[in-house]
C-alpha atoms as a PDB file:
ATOM      1  CA  MET A   1     -20.262   5.968  -1.908  1.00  0.00           C
ATOM      2  CA  ILE A   2     -19.554   7.358  -5.936  1.00  0.00           C
ATOM      3  CA  THR A   3     -17.295   9.417  -4.567  1.00  0.00           C
ATOM      4  CA  ALA A   4     -15.532   7.130  -2.534  1.00  0.00           C
ATOM      5  CA  GLY A   5     -15.472   4.562  -5.669  1.00  0.00           C
ATOM      6  CA  ILE A   6     -14.090   7.737  -7.455  1.00  0.00           C
ATOM      7  CA  TYR A   7     -11.319   8.155  -5.053  1.00  0.00           C
ATOM      8  CA  GLY A   8     -10.168   4.713  -4.673  1.00  0.00           C
ATOM      9  CA  LEU A   9     -10.193   4.701  -8.127  1.00  0.00           C
ATOM     10  CA  ILE A  10      -7.581   7.626  -8.558  1.00  0.00           C
ATOM     11  CA  GLY A  11      -5.466   6.491  -5.831  1.00  0.00           C
ATOM     12  CA  GLY A  12      -4.894   2.884  -7.337  1.00  0.00           C
ATOM     13  CA  MET A  13      -4.319   4.639 -11.074  1.00  0.00           C
ATOM     14  CA  ALA A  14      -1.397   5.338  -9.383  1.00  0.00           C
ATOM     15  CA  LEU A  15      -0.535   1.990  -9.445  1.00  0.00           C
ATOM     16  CA  PHE A  16      -1.336   1.810 -13.638  1.00  0.00           C
ATOM     17  CA  ILE A  17       0.229   4.868 -13.830  1.00  0.00           C
ATOM     18  CA  GLY A  18       3.948   3.665 -11.880  1.00  0.00           C
ATOM     19  CA  ALA A  19       3.933   0.594 -14.036  1.00  0.00           C
ATOM     20  CA  LEU A  20       3.682   1.846 -17.420  1.00  0.00           C
ATOM     21  CA  ILE A  21       7.006   4.301 -15.902  1.00  0.00           C
ATOM     22  CA  GLY A  22       8.878   0.632 -14.839  1.00  0.00           C
ATOM     23  CA  LEU A  23       8.251  -0.686 -18.071  1.00  0.00           C
ATOM     24  CA  TYR A  24       9.168   1.629 -21.052  1.00  0.00           C
ATOM     25  CA  ILE A  25      10.733   4.564 -19.214  1.00  0.00           C
ATOM     26  CA  LYS A  26      14.157   3.385 -18.018  1.00  0.00           C
ATOM     27  CA  ILE A  27      14.355   5.414 -14.479  1.00  0.00           C
ATOM     28  CA  SER A  28      16.352   4.399 -11.867  1.00  0.00           C
ATOM     29  CA  LYS A  29      16.504   2.202  -8.956  1.00  0.00           C
ATOM     30  CA  ARG A  30      18.371   4.909  -6.397  1.00  0.00           C
ATOM     31  CA  THR A  31      15.207   7.115  -7.885  1.00  0.00           C
ATOM     32  CA  ILE A  32      12.277   4.603  -7.137  1.00  0.00           C
ATOM     33  CA  GLY A  33      14.297   4.327  -3.299  1.00  0.00           C
ATOM     34  CA  VAL A  34      13.875   8.020  -3.408  1.00  0.00           C
ATOM     35  CA  VAL A  35      10.155   7.999  -3.772  1.00  0.00           C
ATOM     36  CA  MET A  36       9.472   5.080  -2.019  1.00  0.00           C
ATOM     37  CA  ALA A  37      10.565   6.710   1.287  1.00  0.00           C
ATOM     38  CA  PHE A  38       8.931   9.837   0.296  1.00  0.00           C
ATOM     39  CA  GLY A  39       5.855   7.725  -0.486  1.00  0.00           C
ATOM     40  CA  SER A  40       6.659   5.490   2.789  1.00  0.00           C
ATOM     41  CA  GLY A  41       6.645   9.038   4.978  1.00  0.00           C
ATOM     42  CA  VAL A  42       3.237  10.225   3.677  1.00  0.00           C
ATOM     43  CA  LEU A  43       1.660   7.546   4.473  1.00  0.00           C
ATOM     44  CA  ILE A  44       2.672   6.897   7.637  1.00  0.00           C
ATOM     45  CA  SER A  45       1.926  10.554   8.924  1.00  0.00           C
ATOM     46  CA  ALA A  46      -1.747  10.307   7.250  1.00  0.00           C
ATOM     47  CA  LEU A  47      -2.429   6.636   9.179  1.00  0.00           C
ATOM     48  CA  THR A  48      -1.201   8.307  12.748  1.00  0.00           C
ATOM     49  CA  PHE A  49      -2.657  11.965  12.211  1.00  0.00           C
ATOM     50  CA  ASP A  50      -5.652  10.968  10.489  1.00  0.00           C
ATOM     51  CA  LEU A  51      -6.833   6.941  10.855  1.00  0.00           C
ATOM     52  CA  MET A  52      -5.772   6.503  13.903  1.00  0.00           C
ATOM     53  CA  GLU A  53      -6.377   9.742  15.664  1.00  0.00           C
ATOM     54  CA  GLN A  54     -10.054   9.903  14.086  1.00  0.00           C
ATOM     55  CA  ALA A  55     -10.417   5.880  14.916  1.00  0.00           C
ATOM     56  CA  TYR A  56      -9.543   6.972  18.547  1.00  0.00           C
ATOM     57  CA  GLN A  57     -11.557  10.084  18.853  1.00  0.00           C
ATOM     58  CA  LEU A  58     -14.553   7.368  17.833  1.00  0.00           C
ATOM     59  CA  GLY A  59     -13.606   4.660  19.603  1.00  0.00           C
ATOM     60  CA  GLY A  60     -11.288   5.132  22.470  1.00  0.00           C
ATOM     61  CA  PHE A  61      -7.985   2.798  23.105  1.00  0.00           C
ATOM     62  CA  ASP A  62      -9.657  -0.787  23.158  1.00  0.00           C
ATOM     63  CA  SER A  63     -11.284  -0.700  19.295  1.00  0.00           C
ATOM     64  CA  VAL A  64      -7.951   1.008  18.547  1.00  0.00           C
ATOM     65  CA  SER A  65      -6.018  -1.848  19.752  1.00  0.00           C
ATOM     66  CA  ILE A  66      -8.083  -4.231  18.873  1.00  0.00           C
ATOM     67  CA  GLY A  67      -7.608  -2.738  15.014  1.00  0.00           C
ATOM     68  CA  PHE A  68      -4.620  -2.077  14.613  1.00  0.00           C
ATOM     69  CA  ILE A  69      -2.935  -5.244  16.184  1.00  0.00           C
ATOM     70  CA  ALA A  70      -5.906  -7.353  13.771  1.00  0.00           C
ATOM     71  CA  GLY A  71      -4.544  -5.257  10.868  1.00  0.00           C
ATOM     72  CA  ALA A  72      -1.011  -5.910  11.293  1.00  0.00           C
ATOM     73  CA  VAL A  73      -1.291  -9.324  11.772  1.00  0.00           C
ATOM     74  CA  LEU A  74      -3.730  -9.758   8.966  1.00  0.00           C
ATOM     75  CA  PHE A  75      -1.135  -8.273   6.338  1.00  0.00           C
ATOM     76  CA  VAL A  76       1.901 -10.269   8.037  1.00  0.00           C
ATOM     77  CA  VAL A  77       0.034 -13.863   7.769  1.00  0.00           C
ATOM     78  CA  GLY A  78      -1.584 -12.741   4.215  1.00  0.00           C
ATOM     79  CA  ASP A  79       2.120 -11.666   2.829  1.00  0.00           C
ATOM     80  CA  TYR A  80       3.749 -15.037   4.020  1.00  0.00           C
ATOM     81  CA  LEU A  81       0.858 -16.944   2.224  1.00  0.00           C
ATOM     82  CA  ILE A  82       1.112 -15.329  -0.573  1.00  0.00           C
ATOM     83  CA  ASP A  83       5.176 -14.870  -0.558  1.00  0.00           C
ATOM     84  CA  SER A  84       5.112 -18.794  -0.253  1.00  0.00           C
ATOM     85  CA  TYR A  85       2.709 -19.591  -3.395  1.00  0.00           C
ATOM     86  CA  GLY A  86       5.019 -17.611  -5.330  1.00  0.00           C
ATOM     87  CA  GLY A  87       3.504 -13.979  -5.012  1.00  0.00           C
ATOM     88  CA  TYR A  88       6.762 -12.354  -3.775  1.00  0.00           C
ATOM     89  CA  ALA A  89       7.914 -11.624  -8.083  1.00  0.00           C
ATOM     90  CA  ARG A  90       5.380  -8.303  -7.691  1.00  0.00           C
ATOM     91  CA  LYS A  91       7.990  -6.481  -5.732  1.00  0.00           C
ATOM     92  CA  SER A  92      11.814  -6.623  -6.322  1.00  0.00           C
ATOM     93  CA  VAL A  93      13.132  -6.922  -3.046  1.00  0.00           C
ATOM     94  CA  HIS A  94      10.394  -9.677  -2.436  1.00  0.00           C
ATOM     95  CA  GLY A  95      11.621 -11.306  -5.309  1.00  0.00           C
ATOM     96  CA  LYS A  96      14.993 -11.031  -4.410  1.00  0.00           C
ATOM     97  CA  ARG A  97      14.988 -12.690  -1.012  1.00  0.00           C
ATOM     98  CA  HIS A  98      13.233 -15.888  -2.115  1.00  0.00           C
ATOM     99  CA  MET A  99      15.389 -16.270  -5.310  1.00  0.00           C
ATOM    100  CA  THR A 100      18.484 -15.815  -2.728  1.00  0.00           C
ATOM    101  CA  LYS A 101      16.973 -18.550  -0.717  1.00  0.00           C
ATOM    102  CA  LYS A 102      15.969 -20.494  -3.418  1.00  0.00           C
ATOM    103  CA  ILE A 103      19.373 -20.511  -4.795  1.00  0.00           C
ATOM    104  CA  ALA A 104      21.231 -21.547  -1.666  1.00  0.00           C
ATOM    105  CA  ALA A 105      18.962 -24.563  -1.256  1.00  0.00           C
ATOM    106  CA  GLY A 106      19.906 -25.726  -4.708  1.00  0.00           C
ATOM    107  CA  ASN A 107      16.819 -25.379  -6.360  1.00  0.00           C
ATOM    108  CA  SER A 108      17.065 -22.982  -9.340  1.00  0.00           C
ATOM    109  CA  LYS A 109      12.967 -23.529 -10.432  1.00  0.00           C
ATOM    110  CA  LEU A 110      12.224 -19.747  -9.784  1.00  0.00           C
ATOM    111  CA  ALA A 111       8.911 -20.085 -10.756  1.00  0.00           C
ATOM    112  CA  SER A 112       6.339 -17.689  -9.443  1.00  0.00           C
ATOM    113  CA  SER A 113       2.212 -17.961  -9.393  1.00  0.00           C
ATOM    114  CA  GLY A 114       0.195 -15.345 -11.598  1.00  0.00           C
ATOM    115  CA  SER A 115      -2.744 -15.543  -9.026  1.00  0.00           C
ATOM    116  CA  ALA A 116      -0.590 -15.390  -6.139  1.00  0.00           C
ATOM    117  CA  ILE A 117       0.910 -12.255  -7.694  1.00  0.00           C
ATOM    118  CA  PHE A 118      -2.714 -10.244  -8.164  1.00  0.00           C
ATOM    119  CA  LEU A 119      -3.551 -11.496  -4.821  1.00  0.00           C
ATOM    120  CA  GLY A 120      -0.337 -10.175  -3.573  1.00  0.00           C
ATOM    121  CA  ALA A 121      -1.059  -7.162  -5.485  1.00  0.00           C
ATOM    122  CA  LEU A 122      -4.470  -6.633  -3.977  1.00  0.00           C
ATOM    123  CA  LEU A 123      -3.049  -7.398  -0.247  1.00  0.00           C
ATOM    124  CA  ASP A 124      -0.688  -4.174  -0.756  1.00  0.00           C
ATOM    125  CA  GLY A 125      -3.053  -2.203  -2.177  1.00  0.00           C
ATOM    126  CA  ILE A 126      -6.859  -3.172  -0.980  1.00  0.00           C
ATOM    127  CA  PRO A 127      -6.538  -1.694   2.947  1.00  0.00           C
ATOM    128  CA  GLU A 128      -4.990   1.823   1.742  1.00  0.00           C
ATOM    129  CA  SER A 129      -7.545   1.849  -0.272  1.00  0.00           C
ATOM    130  CA  ALA A 130     -10.233   0.570   1.917  1.00  0.00           C
ATOM    131  CA  ALA A 131      -9.506   3.547   4.260  1.00  0.00           C
ATOM    132  CA  ILE A 132      -9.829   5.970   1.716  1.00  0.00           C
ATOM    133  CA  GLY A 133     -14.052   5.141   1.813  1.00  0.00           C
ATOM    134  CA  ILE A 134     -13.612   4.518   5.355  1.00  0.00           C
ATOM    135  CA  GLY A 135     -12.182   7.647   5.881  1.00  0.00           C
ATOM    136  CA  LEU A 136     -15.293   9.054   3.868  1.00  0.00           C
ATOM    137  CA  ALA A 137     -17.560   7.641   6.143  1.00  0.00           C
ATOM    138  CA  ALA A 138     -16.113   8.784   9.031  1.00  0.00           C
ATOM    139  CA  GLY A 139     -15.395  12.749   7.620  1.00  0.00           C
ATOM    140  CA  ASN A 140     -13.368  15.250   8.629  1.00  0.00           C
ATOM    141  CA  GLY A 141     -11.506  15.136   5.968  1.00  0.00           C
ATOM    142  CA  VAL A 142      -9.435  11.632   6.274  1.00  0.00           C
ATOM    143  CA  GLY A 143     -10.884  10.477   3.045  1.00  0.00           C
ATOM    144  CA  LEU A 144      -9.481  13.418   0.800  1.00  0.00           C
ATOM    145  CA  SER A 145      -5.637  13.291   2.637  1.00  0.00           C
ATOM    146  CA  MET A 146      -5.765   9.577   2.491  1.00  0.00           C
ATOM    147  CA  LEU A 147      -6.011   9.540  -1.337  1.00  0.00           C
ATOM    148  CA  VAL A 148      -3.133  11.925  -1.530  1.00  0.00           C
ATOM    149  CA  ALA A 149      -0.977   9.725   0.521  1.00  0.00           C
ATOM    150  CA  VAL A 150      -2.272   6.547  -1.052  1.00  0.00           C
ATOM    151  CA  PHE A 151      -1.843   8.243  -4.541  1.00  0.00           C
ATOM    152  CA  LEU A 152       1.973   9.679  -3.739  1.00  0.00           C
ATOM    153  CA  SER A 153       2.669   5.819  -2.233  1.00  0.00           C
ATOM    154  CA  ASN A 154       1.154   4.063  -4.811  1.00  0.00           C
ATOM    155  CA  LEU A 155       3.320   5.062  -7.647  1.00  0.00           C
ATOM    156  CA  PRO A 156       6.631   3.902  -6.569  1.00  0.00           C
ATOM    157  CA  GLU A 157       4.976   1.194  -5.621  1.00  0.00           C
ATOM    158  CA  GLY A 158       3.410   0.739  -9.255  1.00  0.00           C
ATOM    159  CA  ILE A 159       6.812   0.699 -10.643  1.00  0.00           C
ATOM    160  CA  SER A 160       8.975  -1.232  -8.313  1.00  0.00           C
ATOM    161  CA  GLY A 161       5.955  -4.160  -8.524  1.00  0.00           C
ATOM    162  CA  ALA A 162       6.480  -3.710 -12.848  1.00  0.00           C
ATOM    163  CA  MET A 163       9.948  -3.884 -12.885  1.00  0.00           C
ATOM    164  CA  GLY A 164       9.897  -6.758  -9.911  1.00  0.00           C
ATOM    165  CA  MET A 165       7.112  -8.637 -12.425  1.00  0.00           C
ATOM    166  CA  LYS A 166       9.359  -8.173 -15.751  1.00  0.00           C
ATOM    167  CA  GLU A 167      12.551  -9.378 -14.032  1.00  0.00           C
ATOM    168  CA  SER A 168      10.463 -12.285 -13.349  1.00  0.00           C
ATOM    169  CA  GLY A 169       9.405 -13.312 -16.829  1.00  0.00           C
ATOM    170  CA  ARG A 170       5.832 -11.529 -17.051  1.00  0.00           C
ATOM    171  CA  SER A 171       4.994 -10.174 -20.145  1.00  0.00           C
ATOM    172  CA  HIS A 172       4.211  -6.153 -20.156  1.00  0.00           C
ATOM    173  CA  GLY A 173       0.517  -7.736 -20.787  1.00  0.00           C
ATOM    174  CA  TYR A 174       0.357  -9.647 -18.058  1.00  0.00           C
ATOM    175  CA  ILE A 175       1.798  -6.955 -15.937  1.00  0.00           C
ATOM    176  CA  MET A 176      -0.662  -4.298 -17.233  1.00  0.00           C
ATOM    177  CA  ALA A 177      -3.503  -6.508 -16.353  1.00  0.00           C
ATOM    178  CA  VAL A 178      -2.547  -7.068 -12.872  1.00  0.00           C
ATOM    179  CA  TRP A 179      -2.310  -3.597 -12.458  1.00  0.00           C
ATOM    180  CA  SER A 180      -5.675  -2.923 -14.219  1.00  0.00           C
ATOM    181  CA  GLY A 181      -7.795  -5.879 -12.073  1.00  0.00           C
ATOM    182  CA  THR A 182      -6.041  -4.006  -8.746  1.00  0.00           C
ATOM    183  CA  ILE A 183      -7.252  -0.332 -10.076  1.00  0.00           C
ATOM    184  CA  ALA A 184     -10.984  -1.799 -10.199  1.00  0.00           C
ATOM    185  CA  LEU A 185     -11.195  -2.988  -6.986  1.00  0.00           C
ATOM    186  CA  SER A 186      -9.263  -0.654  -5.269  1.00  0.00           C
ATOM    187  CA  GLY A 187     -12.221   1.605  -6.174  1.00  0.00           C
ATOM    188  CA  ALA A 188     -14.765  -1.166  -4.940  1.00  0.00           C
ATOM    189  CA  ALA A 189     -12.994  -1.772  -2.139  1.00  0.00           C
ATOM    190  CA  ALA A 190     -13.136   2.563  -1.229  1.00  0.00           C
ATOM    191  CA  ALA A 191     -17.069   2.109  -2.400  1.00  0.00           C
ATOM    192  CA  VAL A 192     -17.779  -0.673  -0.408  1.00  0.00           C
ATOM    193  CA  GLY A 193     -15.491   0.402   3.213  1.00  0.00           C
ATOM    194  CA  TYR A 194     -17.821   3.464   2.029  1.00  0.00           C
ATOM    195  CA  THR A 195     -21.379   1.537   1.953  1.00  0.00           C
ATOM    196  CA  PHE A 196     -20.604  -0.533   4.887  1.00  0.00           C
ATOM    197  CA  LEU A 197     -19.460   1.926   7.773  1.00  0.00           C
ATOM    198  CA  GLY A 198     -21.855   4.990   6.228  1.00  0.00           C
ATOM    199  CA  HIS A 199     -23.908   4.104   9.378  1.00  0.00           C
ATOM    200  CA  ALA A 200     -22.188   1.451  11.546  1.00  0.00           C
ATOM    201  CA  SER A 201     -21.958   2.363  15.011  1.00  0.00           C
ATOM    202  CA  ARG A 202     -18.653   4.653  16.605  1.00  0.00           C
ATOM    203  CA  ASP A 203     -17.125   2.031  17.611  1.00  0.00           C
ATOM    204  CA  THR A 204     -16.865  -0.485  14.790  1.00  0.00           C
ATOM    205  CA  ILE A 205     -15.279   2.202  12.114  1.00  0.00           C
ATOM    206  CA  ALA A 206     -12.952   3.071  14.789  1.00  0.00           C
ATOM    207  CA  ALA A 207     -12.214  -0.501  14.793  1.00  0.00           C
ATOM    208  CA  THR A 208     -11.810  -0.456  10.764  1.00  0.00           C
ATOM    209  CA  LEU A 209      -9.518   2.451  10.729  1.00  0.00           C
ATOM    210  CA  ALA A 210      -7.098   1.108  13.330  1.00  0.00           C
ATOM    211  CA  LEU A 211      -6.619  -2.436  11.623  1.00  0.00           C
ATOM    212  CA  ALA A 212      -6.113  -0.295   8.333  1.00  0.00           C
ATOM    213  CA  ALA A 213      -3.862   1.395   9.399  1.00  0.00           C
ATOM    214  CA  GLY A 214      -1.908  -1.360  11.055  1.00  0.00           C
ATOM    215  CA  ALA A 215      -1.910  -4.071   7.775  1.00  0.00           C
ATOM    216  CA  ILE A 216      -0.402   0.042   6.211  1.00  0.00           C
ATOM    217  CA  LEU A 217       2.004   0.250   8.467  1.00  0.00           C
ATOM    218  CA  ALA A 218       3.265  -3.354   8.495  1.00  0.00           C
ATOM    219  CA  MET A 219       3.426  -3.205   4.886  1.00  0.00           C
ATOM    220  CA  ILE A 220       5.206  -0.038   4.875  1.00  0.00           C
ATOM    221  CA  ALA A 221       7.771  -2.138   7.528  1.00  0.00           C
ATOM    222  CA  ASP A 222       7.722  -5.165   4.964  1.00  0.00           C
ATOM    223  CA  THR A 223       8.006  -3.903   1.670  1.00  0.00           C
ATOM    224  CA  MET A 224       8.434   0.170   0.923  1.00  0.00           C
ATOM    225  CA  MET A 225      11.028   0.722   3.564  1.00  0.00           C
ATOM    226  CA  PRO A 226      13.685  -2.277   3.237  1.00  0.00           C
ATOM    227  CA  GLU A 227      13.415  -1.691  -0.602  1.00  0.00           C
ATOM    228  CA  ALA A 228      14.218   2.590  -0.278  1.00  0.00           C
ATOM    229  CA  PHE A 229      16.363   1.670   1.584  1.00  0.00           C
ATOM    230  CA  GLU A 230      18.034  -1.379  -0.474  1.00  0.00           C
ATOM    231  CA  GLU A 231      17.779   1.169  -3.870  1.00  0.00           C
ATOM    232  CA  GLY A 232      18.188   4.594  -2.212  1.00  0.00           C
ATOM    233  CA  GLY A 233      20.808   4.183   0.183  1.00  0.00           C
ATOM    234  CA  ARG A 234      20.814   5.570   3.653  1.00  0.00           C
ATOM    235  CA  PHE A 235      20.441   8.813   3.337  1.00  0.00           C
ATOM    236  CA  VAL A 236      16.597   8.192   2.320  1.00  0.00           C
ATOM    237  CA  ALA A 237      15.856   8.274   5.699  1.00  0.00           C
ATOM    238  CA  LEU A 238      15.952  12.222   5.187  1.00  0.00           C
ATOM    239  CA  VAL A 239      13.446  11.661   2.140  1.00  0.00           C
ATOM    240  CA  THR A 240      11.153   9.387   4.616  1.00  0.00           C
ATOM    241  CA  VAL A 241      11.198  12.434   7.157  1.00  0.00           C
ATOM    242  CA  THR A 242      10.720  14.998   4.932  1.00  0.00           C
ATOM    243  CA  GLY A 243       7.643  13.487   3.371  1.00  0.00           C
ATOM    244  CA  PHE A 244       5.983  12.993   6.597  1.00  0.00           C
ATOM    245  CA  LEU A 245       6.329  16.468   8.331  1.00  0.00           C
ATOM    246  CA  LEU A 246       4.839  17.772   4.618  1.00  0.00           C
ATOM    247  CA  ALA A 247       1.886  15.761   4.614  1.00  0.00           C
ATOM    248  CA  PHE A 248       1.874  16.736   8.373  1.00  0.00           C
ATOM    249  CA  VAL A 249       1.416  19.638   7.725  1.00  0.00           C
ATOM    250  CA  VAL A 250      -0.527  19.653   4.766  1.00  0.00           C
ATOM    251  CA  SER A 251      -3.186  17.889   6.499  1.00  0.00           C
ATOM    252  CA  HIS A 252      -3.142  20.359   9.386  1.00  0.00           C
ATOM    253  CA  LEU A 253      -3.324  23.769   7.176  1.00  0.00           C
ATOM    254  CA  ALA A 254      -6.157  21.805   4.954  1.00  0.00           C
ATOM    255  CA  GLY A 255      -7.509  21.009   8.683  1.00  0.00           C
END
């Protein structure tokens, strides 16, 4: 459990490091898009060949299908509700989309909710961290490979999130507090995932691994890839493929 918690903290720490970069270091949005694309490719590889494959080996198609669809639905519904209550400012693409809609509707009040921003940050980060702990419980090196993937993807997320919150008028102290809280809860999520599923049935572990995979893939499609394309241009597709391939090679060499 301690190892899982440490892994979760390390993965979440990338958000904090990214936030520091986004606040204090001038970095082009194109660079953010490129890094976001690379992280997306790494995550897609990890959830495909680690989470989903392990889930299938443990529980078969039924557990995998139920968990995967449930994870995607939970993320999409949660993301919609959080954005509706002001959490859109945690991401620059979300923020731009909502501001454009409000301006078009003649509403100049673009206030964002602090609690919704925090919940949105958790929604983006918790499934990844939980997957680390669940992966450690499942064995076969899934936890370690997920840690690498989560760290690489969280770095650009932290940069983008900090910039989005800064543009919405949030103070530096508030932004760092949000990511600090996310780090702590990421470690807790990894530890909880490991503890509660360490002795669970194979079908339960399979469904939970698939649920995490579904939520992560929905997050990539909803946030990471649109932002990567918007900020980095069409050639980020090649960067995404590169990230996927490198993660695939490293995963199989390590295994």
